[in-house]
Amino acid sequence: MDTSSEEAFYERKPYYVAVGAGQILEDPTAAAYELEILANEEELNRLQELFEELSSWDEAQVLHFTRPFGSFSTERINLGYDHLLGRVYKLLYEVGTEQTKAHIESMHLDLESY
């Protein structure tokens, strides 16, 4: 990576996040969002990967509940999903604006455990 592309990679830009939908938006008017972050490409990629993992867990839940004898227990599926969601909120807190950080703090999550 040359210096200019490396600087662009680490430059933080505003993004708007809809956690429930697993969306990261560049345009705040494109869709409803809950949180605003300032993230660089690396952080954005990490967040996108976490949203993809959450989506996979959602699919696992659907498969589990459509098959009466799924291979994972409901408790295990929920624990995995909750852990991933905690990692999402921890990253959002790290890159969040002051308003985003205040909102996440109001949720009383134990971010240290993720």
PDB file of N, CA and C in Angstrom:
ATOM      1  N   MET A   1       0.847  -1.173   0.000  1.00  0.00           N
ATOM      2  CA  MET A   1       0.000   0.000   0.000  1.00  0.00           C
ATOM      3  C   MET A   1       0.893   1.237   0.000  1.00  0.00           C
ATOM      4  N   ASP A   2       0.639   2.160  -0.922  1.00  0.00           N
ATOM      5  CA  ASP A   2       1.422   3.394  -0.892  1.00  0.00           C
ATOM      6  C   ASP A   2       0.867   4.316   0.198  1.00  0.00           C
ATOM      7  N   THR A   3       1.578   5.385   0.473  1.00  0.00           N
ATOM      8  CA  THR A   3       1.228   6.268   1.590  1.00  0.00           C
ATOM      9  C   THR A   3      -0.168   6.857   1.464  1.00  0.00           C
ATOM     10  N   SER A   4      -0.556   7.288   0.263  1.00  0.00           N
ATOM     11  CA  SER A   4      -1.877   7.912   0.106  1.00  0.00           C
ATOM     12  C   SER A   4      -3.007   6.899   0.288  1.00  0.00           C
ATOM     13  N   SER A   5      -2.849   5.684  -0.216  1.00  0.00           N
ATOM     14  CA  SER A   5      -3.910   4.694  -0.029  1.00  0.00           C
ATOM     15  C   SER A   5      -3.930   4.189   1.406  1.00  0.00           C
ATOM     16  N   GLU A   6      -2.763   4.164   2.063  1.00  0.00           N
ATOM     17  CA  GLU A   6      -2.719   3.775   3.472  1.00  0.00           C
ATOM     18  C   GLU A   6      -3.417   4.817   4.333  1.00  0.00           C
ATOM     19  N   GLU A   7      -3.190   6.097   4.029  1.00  0.00           N
ATOM     20  CA  GLU A   7      -3.871   7.164   4.770  1.00  0.00           C
ATOM     21  C   GLU A   7      -5.373   7.084   4.574  1.00  0.00           C
ATOM     22  N   ALA A   8      -5.811   6.814   3.348  1.00  0.00           N
ATOM     23  CA  ALA A   8      -7.247   6.688   3.066  1.00  0.00           C
ATOM     24  C   ALA A   8      -7.837   5.506   3.829  1.00  0.00           C
ATOM     25  N   PHE A   9      -7.075   4.415   3.949  1.00  0.00           N
ATOM     26  CA  PHE A   9      -7.536   3.219   4.653  1.00  0.00           C
ATOM     27  C   PHE A   9      -7.796   3.521   6.124  1.00  0.00           C
ATOM     28  N   TYR A  10      -6.944   4.350   6.730  1.00  0.00           N
ATOM     29  CA  TYR A  10      -7.062   4.643   8.151  1.00  0.00           C
ATOM     30  C   TYR A  10      -7.843   5.920   8.456  1.00  0.00           C
ATOM     31  N   GLU A  11      -8.274   6.629   7.433  1.00  0.00           N
ATOM     32  CA  GLU A  11      -9.060   7.850   7.633  1.00  0.00           C
ATOM     33  C   GLU A  11     -10.458   7.483   8.139  1.00  0.00           C
ATOM     34  N   ARG A  12     -10.871   8.164   9.182  1.00  0.00           N
ATOM     35  CA  ARG A  12     -12.204   7.907   9.743  1.00  0.00           C
ATOM     36  C   ARG A  12     -13.231   8.791   9.063  1.00  0.00           C
ATOM     37  N   LYS A  13     -14.371   8.164   8.732  1.00  0.00           N
ATOM     38  CA  LYS A  13     -15.482   8.877   8.107  1.00  0.00           C
ATOM     39  C   LYS A  13     -16.765   8.530   8.859  1.00  0.00           C
ATOM     40  N   PRO A  14     -17.769   9.395   8.763  1.00  0.00           N
ATOM     41  CA  PRO A  14     -19.033   9.089   9.453  1.00  0.00           C
ATOM     42  C   PRO A  14     -19.839   8.015   8.717  1.00  0.00           C
ATOM     43  N   TYR A  15     -20.419   7.127   9.511  1.00  0.00           N
ATOM     44  CA  TYR A  15     -21.327   6.102   8.999  1.00  0.00           C
ATOM     45  C   TYR A  15     -22.506   6.028   9.959  1.00  0.00           C
ATOM     46  N   TYR A  16     -23.594   5.485   9.477  1.00  0.00           N
ATOM     47  CA  TYR A  16     -24.834   5.416  10.232  1.00  0.00           C
ATOM     48  C   TYR A  16     -25.253   3.952  10.276  1.00  0.00           C
ATOM     49  N   VAL A  17     -25.500   3.451  11.481  1.00  0.00           N
ATOM     50  CA  VAL A  17     -25.666   2.017  11.678  1.00  0.00           C
ATOM     51  C   VAL A  17     -27.071   1.689  12.165  1.00  0.00           C
ATOM     52  N   ALA A  18     -27.670   0.706  11.503  1.00  0.00           N
ATOM     53  CA  ALA A  18     -28.932   0.124  11.939  1.00  0.00           C
ATOM     54  C   ALA A  18     -28.604  -1.283  12.423  1.00  0.00           C
ATOM     55  N   VAL A  19     -28.488  -1.459  13.726  1.00  0.00           N
ATOM     56  CA  VAL A  19     -28.036  -2.729  14.288  1.00  0.00           C
ATOM     57  C   VAL A  19     -29.010  -3.854  13.957  1.00  0.00           C
ATOM     58  N   GLY A  20     -30.296  -3.638  14.175  1.00  0.00           N
ATOM     59  CA  GLY A  20     -31.280  -4.689  13.926  1.00  0.00           C
ATOM     60  C   GLY A  20     -31.291  -5.173  12.490  1.00  0.00           C
ATOM     61  N   ALA A  21     -31.068  -4.262  11.564  1.00  0.00           N
ATOM     62  CA  ALA A  21     -31.052  -4.620  10.144  1.00  0.00           C
ATOM     63  C   ALA A  21     -29.659  -5.050   9.681  1.00  0.00           C
ATOM     64  N   GLY A  22     -28.656  -4.836  10.535  1.00  0.00           N
ATOM     65  CA  GLY A  22     -27.294  -5.170  10.149  1.00  0.00           C
ATOM     66  C   GLY A  22     -26.783  -4.313   9.011  1.00  0.00           C
ATOM     67  N   GLN A  23     -27.179  -3.042   9.012  1.00  0.00           N
ATOM     68  CA  GLN A  23     -26.814  -2.139   7.922  1.00  0.00           C
ATOM     69  C   GLN A  23     -25.831  -1.073   8.389  1.00  0.00           C
ATOM     70  N   ILE A  24     -24.903  -0.756   7.486  1.00  0.00           N
ATOM     71  CA  ILE A  24     -23.976   0.351   7.679  1.00  0.00           C
ATOM     72  C   ILE A  24     -24.181   1.291   6.498  1.00  0.00           C
ATOM     73  N   LEU A  25     -24.612   2.494   6.778  1.00  0.00           N
ATOM     74  CA  LEU A  25     -24.979   3.431   5.722  1.00  0.00           C
ATOM     75  C   LEU A  25     -24.007   4.604   5.661  1.00  0.00           C
ATOM     76  N   GLU A  26     -23.739   5.066   4.466  1.00  0.00           N
ATOM     77  CA  GLU A  26     -22.946   6.285   4.302  1.00  0.00           C
ATOM     78  C   GLU A  26     -23.855   7.505   4.268  1.00  0.00           C
ATOM     79  N   ASP A  27     -25.086   7.320   3.826  1.00  0.00           N
ATOM     80  CA  ASP A  27     -26.056   8.402   3.694  1.00  0.00           C
ATOM     81  C   ASP A  27     -27.097   8.269   4.802  1.00  0.00           C
ATOM     82  N   PRO A  28     -27.172   9.228   5.727  1.00  0.00           N
ATOM     83  CA  PRO A  28     -28.120   9.113   6.833  1.00  0.00           C
ATOM     84  C   PRO A  28     -29.585   9.178   6.407  1.00  0.00           C
ATOM     85  N   THR A  29     -29.841   9.603   5.186  1.00  0.00           N
ATOM     86  CA  THR A  29     -31.226   9.674   4.717  1.00  0.00           C
ATOM     87  C   THR A  29     -31.639   8.434   3.940  1.00  0.00           C
ATOM     88  N   ALA A  30     -30.719   7.495   3.743  1.00  0.00           N
ATOM     89  CA  ALA A  30     -31.008   6.303   2.930  1.00  0.00           C
ATOM     90  C   ALA A  30     -31.966   5.346   3.622  1.00  0.00           C
ATOM     91  N   ALA A  31     -31.888   5.245   4.942  1.00  0.00           N
ATOM     92  CA  ALA A  31     -32.749   4.331   5.701  1.00  0.00           C
ATOM     93  C   ALA A  31     -32.684   4.739   7.167  1.00  0.00           C
ATOM     94  N   ALA A  32     -33.560   4.152   7.948  1.00  0.00           N
ATOM     95  CA  ALA A  32     -33.552   4.436   9.386  1.00  0.00           C
ATOM     96  C   ALA A  32     -32.295   3.840  10.015  1.00  0.00           C
ATOM     97  N   TYR A  33     -31.724   4.558  10.949  1.00  0.00           N
ATOM     98  CA  TYR A  33     -30.540   4.076  11.658  1.00  0.00           C
ATOM     99  C   TYR A  33     -30.635   4.494  13.116  1.00  0.00           C
ATOM    100  N   GLU A  34     -29.869   3.801  13.969  1.00  0.00           N
ATOM    101  CA  GLU A  34     -29.888   4.119  15.395  1.00  0.00           C
ATOM    102  C   GLU A  34     -28.646   4.854  15.862  1.00  0.00           C
ATOM    103  N   LEU A  35     -27.485   4.515  15.282  1.00  0.00           N
ATOM    104  CA  LEU A  35     -26.226   4.995  15.832  1.00  0.00           C
ATOM    105  C   LEU A  35     -25.322   5.593  14.757  1.00  0.00           C
ATOM    106  N   GLU A  36     -24.542   6.583  15.155  1.00  0.00           N
ATOM    107  CA  GLU A  36     -23.575   7.204  14.252  1.00  0.00           C
ATOM    108  C   GLU A  36     -22.176   6.856  14.740  1.00  0.00           C
ATOM    109  N   ILE A  37     -21.323   6.487  13.808  1.00  0.00           N
ATOM    110  CA  ILE A  37     -19.944   6.141  14.148  1.00  0.00           C
ATOM    111  C   ILE A  37     -18.975   6.903  13.246  1.00  0.00           C
ATOM    112  N   LEU A  38     -17.724   6.941  13.663  1.00  0.00           N
ATOM    113  CA  LEU A  38     -16.632   7.463  12.847  1.00  0.00           C
ATOM    114  C   LEU A  38     -15.642   6.317  12.715  1.00  0.00           C
ATOM    115  N   ALA A  39     -15.577   5.711  11.529  1.00  0.00           N
ATOM    116  CA  ALA A  39     -14.785   4.502  11.355  1.00  0.00           C
ATOM    117  C   ALA A  39     -13.884   4.585  10.131  1.00  0.00           C
ATOM    118  N   ASN A  40     -12.753   3.866  10.217  1.00  0.00           N
ATOM    119  CA  ASN A  40     -11.893   3.729   9.049  1.00  0.00           C
ATOM    120  C   ASN A  40     -12.241   2.411   8.341  1.00  0.00           C
ATOM    121  N   GLU A  41     -11.549   2.113   7.260  1.00  0.00           N
ATOM    122  CA  GLU A  41     -11.868   0.916   6.470  1.00  0.00           C
ATOM    123  C   GLU A  41     -11.725  -0.363   7.292  1.00  0.00           C
ATOM    124  N   GLU A  42     -10.675  -0.448   8.089  1.00  0.00           N
ATOM    125  CA  GLU A  42     -10.454  -1.652   8.900  1.00  0.00           C
ATOM    126  C   GLU A  42     -11.605  -1.870   9.883  1.00  0.00           C
ATOM    127  N   GLU A  43     -12.003  -0.811  10.585  1.00  0.00           N
ATOM    128  CA  GLU A  43     -13.094  -0.902  11.560  1.00  0.00           C
ATOM    129  C   GLU A  43     -14.414  -1.219  10.867  1.00  0.00           C
ATOM    130  N   LEU A  44     -14.614  -0.617   9.716  1.00  0.00           N
ATOM    131  CA  LEU A  44     -15.823  -0.870   8.941  1.00  0.00           C
ATOM    132  C   LEU A  44     -15.889  -2.336   8.506  1.00  0.00           C
ATOM    133  N   ASN A  45     -14.760  -2.870   8.072  1.00  0.00           N
ATOM    134  CA  ASN A  45     -14.708  -4.281   7.678  1.00  0.00           C
ATOM    135  C   ASN A  45     -14.994  -5.195   8.859  1.00  0.00           C
ATOM    136  N   ARG A  46     -14.438  -4.881  10.023  1.00  0.00           N
ATOM    137  CA  ARG A  46     -14.699  -5.690  11.224  1.00  0.00           C
ATOM    138  C   ARG A  46     -16.174  -5.679  11.578  1.00  0.00           C
ATOM    139  N   LEU A  47     -16.803  -4.505  11.497  1.00  0.00           N
ATOM    140  CA  LEU A  47     -18.227  -4.395  11.805  1.00  0.00           C
ATOM    141  C   LEU A  47     -19.059  -5.179  10.805  1.00  0.00           C
ATOM    142  N   GLN A  48     -18.712  -5.084   9.537  1.00  0.00           N
ATOM    143  CA  GLN A  48     -19.445  -5.835   8.506  1.00  0.00           C
ATOM    144  C   GLN A  48     -19.317  -7.340   8.741  1.00  0.00           C
ATOM    145  N   GLU A  49     -18.126  -7.796   9.111  1.00  0.00           N
ATOM    146  CA  GLU A  49     -17.928  -9.218   9.406  1.00  0.00           C
ATOM    147  C   GLU A  49     -18.788  -9.663  10.583  1.00  0.00           C
ATOM    148  N   LEU A  50     -18.879  -8.826  11.617  1.00  0.00           N
ATOM    149  CA  LEU A  50     -19.724  -9.160  12.767  1.00  0.00           C
ATOM    150  C   LEU A  50     -21.192  -9.239  12.362  1.00  0.00           C
ATOM    151  N   PHE A  51     -21.640  -8.308  11.525  1.00  0.00           N
ATOM    152  CA  PHE A  51     -23.025  -8.358  11.053  1.00  0.00           C
ATOM    153  C   PHE A  51     -23.270  -9.624  10.229  1.00  0.00           C
ATOM    154  N   GLU A  52     -22.292 -10.046   9.437  1.00  0.00           N
ATOM    155  CA  GLU A  52     -22.434 -11.283   8.660  1.00  0.00           C
ATOM    156  C   GLU A  52     -22.513 -12.497   9.584  1.00  0.00           C
ATOM    157  N   GLU A  53     -21.716 -12.502  10.655  1.00  0.00           N
ATOM    158  CA  GLU A  53     -21.791 -13.586  11.635  1.00  0.00           C
ATOM    159  C   GLU A  53     -23.159 -13.607  12.324  1.00  0.00           C
ATOM    160  N   LEU A  54     -23.674 -12.421  12.667  1.00  0.00           N
ATOM    161  CA  LEU A  54     -25.007 -12.351  13.279  1.00  0.00           C
ATOM    162  C   LEU A  54     -26.062 -12.915  12.340  1.00  0.00           C
ATOM    163  N   SER A  55     -25.933 -12.599  11.078  1.00  0.00           N
ATOM    164  CA  SER A  55     -26.873 -13.107  10.089  1.00  0.00           C
ATOM    165  C   SER A  55     -26.821 -14.634  10.028  1.00  0.00           C
ATOM    166  N   SER A  56     -25.617 -15.192  10.126  1.00  0.00           N
ATOM    167  CA  SER A  56     -25.459 -16.648  10.130  1.00  0.00           C
ATOM    168  C   SER A  56     -26.131 -17.264  11.357  1.00  0.00           C
ATOM    169  N   TRP A  57     -25.993 -16.607  12.507  1.00  0.00           N
ATOM    170  CA  TRP A  57     -26.653 -17.101  13.718  1.00  0.00           C
ATOM    171  C   TRP A  57     -28.167 -17.024  13.573  1.00  0.00           C
ATOM    172  N   ASP A  58     -28.662 -15.954  12.933  1.00  0.00           N
ATOM    173  CA  ASP A  58     -30.102 -15.856  12.674  1.00  0.00           C
ATOM    174  C   ASP A  58     -30.573 -17.043  11.845  1.00  0.00           C
ATOM    175  N   GLU A  59     -29.796 -17.384  10.816  1.00  0.00           N
ATOM    176  CA  GLU A  59     -30.142 -18.523   9.967  1.00  0.00           C
ATOM    177  C   GLU A  59     -30.106 -19.820  10.762  1.00  0.00           C
ATOM    178  N   ALA A  60     -29.143 -19.955  11.669  1.00  0.00           N
ATOM    179  CA  ALA A  60     -29.062 -21.155  12.509  1.00  0.00           C
ATOM    180  C   ALA A  60     -30.295 -21.277  13.391  1.00  0.00           C
ATOM    181  N   GLN A  61     -30.781 -20.137  13.901  1.00  0.00           N
ATOM    182  CA  GLN A  61     -31.987 -20.168  14.724  1.00  0.00           C
ATOM    183  C   GLN A  61     -33.185 -20.620  13.914  1.00  0.00           C
ATOM    184  N   VAL A  62     -33.306 -20.109  12.695  1.00  0.00           N
ATOM    185  CA  VAL A  62     -34.431 -20.494  11.838  1.00  0.00           C
ATOM    186  C   VAL A  62     -34.381 -21.988  11.554  1.00  0.00           C
ATOM    187  N   LEU A  63     -33.210 -22.495  11.193  1.00  0.00           N
ATOM    188  CA  LEU A  63     -33.076 -23.927  10.923  1.00  0.00           C
ATOM    189  C   LEU A  63     -33.379 -24.752  12.158  1.00  0.00           C
ATOM    190  N   HIS A  64     -32.919 -24.280  13.305  1.00  0.00           N
ATOM    191  CA  HIS A  64     -33.149 -25.009  14.550  1.00  0.00           C
ATOM    192  C   HIS A  64     -34.647 -25.126  14.842  1.00  0.00           C
ATOM    193  N   PHE A  65     -35.368 -24.046  14.640  1.00  0.00           N
ATOM    194  CA  PHE A  65     -36.780 -24.065  14.993  1.00  0.00           C
ATOM    195  C   PHE A  65     -37.663 -24.684  13.915  1.00  0.00           C
ATOM    196  N   THR A  66     -37.112 -24.909  12.714  1.00  0.00           N
ATOM    197  CA  THR A  66     -37.905 -25.594  11.685  1.00  0.00           C
ATOM    198  C   THR A  66     -37.652 -27.090  11.708  1.00  0.00           C
ATOM    199  N   ARG A  67     -36.593 -27.504  12.416  1.00  0.00           N
ATOM    200  CA  ARG A  67     -36.292 -28.926  12.590  1.00  0.00           C
ATOM    201  C   ARG A  67     -36.481 -29.256  14.061  1.00  0.00           C
ATOM    202  N   PRO A  68     -37.336 -30.218  14.358  1.00  0.00           N
ATOM    203  CA  PRO A  68     -37.628 -30.485  15.767  1.00  0.00           C
ATOM    204  C   PRO A  68     -36.428 -30.981  16.574  1.00  0.00           C
ATOM    205  N   PHE A  69     -35.461 -31.617  15.932  1.00  0.00           N
ATOM    206  CA  PHE A  69     -34.313 -32.146  16.665  1.00  0.00           C
ATOM    207  C   PHE A  69     -33.023 -31.565  16.113  1.00  0.00           C
ATOM    208  N   GLY A  70     -32.897 -30.224  16.200  1.00  0.00           N
ATOM    209  CA  GLY A  70     -31.700 -29.538  15.706  1.00  0.00           C
ATOM    210  C   GLY A  70     -30.469 -29.958  16.482  1.00  0.00           C
ATOM    211  N   SER A  71     -29.299 -29.723  15.916  1.00  0.00           N
ATOM    212  CA  SER A  71     -28.059 -30.159  16.543  1.00  0.00           C
ATOM    213  C   SER A  71     -27.596 -29.204  17.648  1.00  0.00           C
ATOM    214  N   PHE A  72     -28.061 -27.987  17.677  1.00  0.00           N
ATOM    215  CA  PHE A  72     -27.693 -27.027  18.709  1.00  0.00           C
ATOM    216  C   PHE A  72     -28.867 -26.797  19.640  1.00  0.00           C
ATOM    217  N   SER A  73     -28.567 -26.621  20.910  1.00  0.00           N
ATOM    218  CA  SER A  73     -29.632 -26.287  21.841  1.00  0.00           C
ATOM    219  C   SER A  73     -30.015 -24.823  21.653  1.00  0.00           C
ATOM    220  N   THR A  74     -31.238 -24.503  21.999  1.00  0.00           N
ATOM    221  CA  THR A  74     -31.707 -23.123  21.917  1.00  0.00           C
ATOM    222  C   THR A  74     -30.831 -22.214  22.773  1.00  0.00           C
ATOM    223  N   GLU A  75     -30.450 -22.706  23.952  1.00  0.00           N
ATOM    224  CA  GLU A  75     -29.614 -21.910  24.853  1.00  0.00           C
ATOM    225  C   GLU A  75     -28.256 -21.608  24.209  1.00  0.00           C
ATOM    226  N   ARG A  76     -27.673 -22.600  23.569  1.00  0.00           N
ATOM    227  CA  ARG A  76     -26.371 -22.400  22.920  1.00  0.00           C
ATOM    228  C   ARG A  76     -26.480 -21.397  21.772  1.00  0.00           C
ATOM    229  N   ILE A  77     -27.533 -21.496  21.000  1.00  0.00           N
ATOM    230  CA  ILE A  77     -27.743 -20.551  19.898  1.00  0.00           C
ATOM    231  C   ILE A  77     -27.896 -19.138  20.443  1.00  0.00           C
ATOM    232  N   ASN A  78     -28.710 -18.987  21.491  1.00  0.00           N
ATOM    233  CA  ASN A  78     -28.929 -17.661  22.072  1.00  0.00           C
ATOM    234  C   ASN A  78     -27.647 -17.090  22.677  1.00  0.00           C
ATOM    235  N   LEU A  79     -26.851 -17.931  23.345  1.00  0.00           N
ATOM    236  CA  LEU A  79     -25.592 -17.460  23.923  1.00  0.00           C
ATOM    237  C   LEU A  79     -24.638 -16.981  22.838  1.00  0.00           C
ATOM    238  N   GLY A  80     -24.558 -17.719  21.751  1.00  0.00           N
ATOM    239  CA  GLY A  80     -23.691 -17.319  20.640  1.00  0.00           C
ATOM    240  C   GLY A  80     -24.146 -16.010  20.025  1.00  0.00           C
ATOM    241  N   TYR A  81     -25.441 -15.886  19.829  1.00  0.00           N
ATOM    242  CA  TYR A  81     -25.993 -14.667  19.255  1.00  0.00           C
ATOM    243  C   TYR A  81     -25.751 -13.478  20.188  1.00  0.00           C
ATOM    244  N   ASP A  82     -26.009 -13.671  21.470  1.00  0.00           N
ATOM    245  CA  ASP A  82     -25.810 -12.594  22.446  1.00  0.00           C
ATOM    246  C   ASP A  82     -24.345 -12.170  22.508  1.00  0.00           C
ATOM    247  N   HIS A  83     -23.434 -13.142  22.430  1.00  0.00           N
ATOM    248  CA  HIS A  83     -22.011 -12.817  22.461  1.00  0.00           C
ATOM    249  C   HIS A  83     -21.622 -11.985  21.231  1.00  0.00           C
ATOM    250  N   LEU A  84     -22.098 -12.392  20.067  1.00  0.00           N
ATOM    251  CA  LEU A  84     -21.811 -11.630  18.848  1.00  0.00           C
ATOM    252  C   LEU A  84     -22.391 -10.228  18.926  1.00  0.00           C
ATOM    253  N   LEU A  85     -23.609 -10.121  19.420  1.00  0.00           N
ATOM    254  CA  LEU A  85     -24.243  -8.814  19.546  1.00  0.00           C
ATOM    255  C   LEU A  85     -23.459  -7.936  20.516  1.00  0.00           C
ATOM    256  N   GLY A  86     -22.946  -8.523  21.582  1.00  0.00           N
ATOM    257  CA  GLY A  86     -22.104  -7.782  22.507  1.00  0.00           C
ATOM    258  C   GLY A  86     -20.834  -7.277  21.835  1.00  0.00           C
ATOM    259  N   ARG A  87     -20.244  -8.109  20.974  1.00  0.00           N
ATOM    260  CA  ARG A  87     -19.045  -7.682  20.238  1.00  0.00           C
ATOM    261  C   ARG A  87     -19.368  -6.541  19.277  1.00  0.00           C
ATOM    262  N   VAL A  88     -20.558  -6.582  18.678  1.00  0.00           N
ATOM    263  CA  VAL A  88     -20.991  -5.489  17.798  1.00  0.00           C
ATOM    264  C   VAL A  88     -21.070  -4.193  18.594  1.00  0.00           C
ATOM    265  N   TYR A  89     -21.746  -4.245  19.738  1.00  0.00           N
ATOM    266  CA  TYR A  89     -21.895  -3.027  20.542  1.00  0.00           C
ATOM    267  C   TYR A  89     -20.562  -2.538  21.105  1.00  0.00           C
ATOM    268  N   LYS A  90     -19.663  -3.448  21.424  1.00  0.00           N
ATOM    269  CA  LYS A  90     -18.343  -3.031  21.901  1.00  0.00           C
ATOM    270  C   LYS A  90     -17.608  -2.263  20.806  1.00  0.00           C
ATOM    271  N   LEU A  91     -17.638  -2.776  19.588  1.00  0.00           N
ATOM    272  CA  LEU A  91     -16.985  -2.079  18.473  1.00  0.00           C
ATOM    273  C   LEU A  91     -17.679  -0.752  18.189  1.00  0.00           C
ATOM    274  N   LEU A  92     -19.008  -0.742  18.211  1.00  0.00           N
ATOM    275  CA  LEU A  92     -19.739   0.503  17.981  1.00  0.00           C
ATOM    276  C   LEU A  92     -19.393   1.540  19.050  1.00  0.00           C
ATOM    277  N   TYR A  93     -19.198   1.074  20.284  1.00  0.00           N
ATOM    278  CA  TYR A  93     -18.814   1.999  21.353  1.00  0.00           C
ATOM    279  C   TYR A  93     -17.429   2.569  21.072  1.00  0.00           C
ATOM    280  N   GLU A  94     -16.507   1.715  20.644  1.00  0.00           N
ATOM    281  CA  GLU A  94     -15.136   2.158  20.381  1.00  0.00           C
ATOM    282  C   GLU A  94     -15.070   3.220  19.284  1.00  0.00           C
ATOM    283  N   VAL A  95     -15.896   3.103  18.269  1.00  0.00           N
ATOM    284  CA  VAL A  95     -15.838   4.033  17.129  1.00  0.00           C
ATOM    285  C   VAL A  95     -17.000   5.018  17.122  1.00  0.00           C
ATOM    286  N   GLY A  96     -17.832   4.970  18.137  1.00  0.00           N
ATOM    287  CA  GLY A  96     -19.029   5.799  18.173  1.00  0.00           C
ATOM    288  C   GLY A  96     -18.764   7.259  18.488  1.00  0.00           C
ATOM    289  N   THR A  97     -19.711   8.076  18.068  1.00  0.00           N
ATOM    290  CA  THR A  97     -19.683   9.486  18.451  1.00  0.00           C
ATOM    291  C   THR A  97     -20.032   9.565  19.944  1.00  0.00           C
ATOM    292  N   GLU A  98     -19.908  10.737  20.526  1.00  0.00           N
ATOM    293  CA  GLU A  98     -20.241  10.896  21.946  1.00  0.00           C
ATOM    294  C   GLU A  98     -21.697  10.500  22.206  1.00  0.00           C
ATOM    295  N   GLN A  99     -22.584  10.862  21.291  1.00  0.00           N
ATOM    296  CA  GLN A  99     -24.006  10.515  21.443  1.00  0.00           C
ATOM    297  C   GLN A  99     -24.200   8.998  21.380  1.00  0.00           C
ATOM    298  N   THR A 100     -23.497   8.345  20.476  1.00  0.00           N
ATOM    299  CA  THR A 100     -23.581   6.883  20.358  1.00  0.00           C
ATOM    300  C   THR A 100     -23.059   6.220  21.632  1.00  0.00           C
ATOM    301  N   LYS A 101     -21.937   6.709  22.137  1.00  0.00           N
ATOM    302  CA  LYS A 101     -21.375   6.145  23.365  1.00  0.00           C
ATOM    303  C   LYS A 101     -22.346   6.312  24.529  1.00  0.00           C
ATOM    304  N   ALA A 102     -22.964   7.471  24.626  1.00  0.00           N
ATOM    305  CA  ALA A 102     -23.935   7.710  25.702  1.00  0.00           C
ATOM    306  C   ALA A 102     -25.118   6.755  25.579  1.00  0.00           C
ATOM    307  N   HIS A 103     -25.585   6.530  24.357  1.00  0.00           N
ATOM    308  CA  HIS A 103     -26.716   5.615  24.149  1.00  0.00           C
ATOM    309  C   HIS A 103     -26.337   4.193  24.567  1.00  0.00           C
ATOM    310  N   ILE A 104     -25.159   3.740  24.164  1.00  0.00           N
ATOM    311  CA  ILE A 104     -24.731   2.384  24.509  1.00  0.00           C
ATOM    312  C   ILE A 104     -24.528   2.257  26.013  1.00  0.00           C
ATOM    313  N   GLU A 105     -23.977   3.286  26.650  1.00  0.00           N
ATOM    314  CA  GLU A 105     -23.837   3.272  28.112  1.00  0.00           C
ATOM    315  C   GLU A 105     -25.194   3.153  28.790  1.00  0.00           C
ATOM    316  N   SER A 106     -26.219   3.793  28.221  1.00  0.00           N
ATOM    317  CA  SER A 106     -27.567   3.738  28.804  1.00  0.00           C
ATOM    318  C   SER A 106     -28.175   2.334  28.708  1.00  0.00           C
ATOM    319  N   MET A 107     -27.595   1.493  27.872  1.00  0.00           N
ATOM    320  CA  MET A 107     -28.078   0.112  27.716  1.00  0.00           C
ATOM    321  C   MET A 107     -27.537  -0.800  28.807  1.00  0.00           C
ATOM    322  N   HIS A 108     -26.562  -0.320  29.580  1.00  0.00           N
ATOM    323  CA  HIS A 108     -25.964  -1.054  30.702  1.00  0.00           C
ATOM    324  C   HIS A 108     -25.423  -2.414  30.275  1.00  0.00           C
ATOM    325  N   LEU A 109     -24.720  -2.443  29.158  1.00  0.00           N
ATOM    326  CA  LEU A 109     -24.078  -3.676  28.705  1.00  0.00           C
ATOM    327  C   LEU A 109     -22.718  -3.801  29.381  1.00  0.00           C
ATOM    328  N   ASP A 110     -22.310  -5.014  29.660  1.00  0.00           N
ATOM    329  CA  ASP A 110     -20.984  -5.254  30.214  1.00  0.00           C
ATOM    330  C   ASP A 110     -20.020  -5.463  29.052  1.00  0.00           C
ATOM    331  N   LEU A 111     -19.545  -4.376  28.463  1.00  0.00           N
ATOM    332  CA  LEU A 111     -18.711  -4.454  27.264  1.00  0.00           C
ATOM    333  C   LEU A 111     -17.346  -5.076  27.545  1.00  0.00           C
ATOM    334  N   GLU A 112     -16.920  -5.059  28.783  1.00  0.00           N
ATOM    335  CA  GLU A 112     -15.614  -5.653  29.124  1.00  0.00           C
ATOM    336  C   GLU A 112     -15.605  -7.166  28.923  1.00  0.00           C
ATOM    337  N   SER A 113     -16.770  -7.795  28.952  1.00  0.00           N
ATOM    338  CA  SER A 113     -16.808  -9.253  28.819  1.00  0.00           C
ATOM    339  C   SER A 113     -16.782  -9.731  27.358  1.00  0.00           C
ATOM    340  N   TYR A 114     -16.681  -8.798  26.419  1.00  0.00           N
ATOM    341  CA  TYR A 114     -16.672  -9.189  25.011  1.00  0.00           C
ATOM    342  C   TYR A 114     -15.328  -8.967  24.404  1.00  0.00           C
TER     343      TYR A 114
END
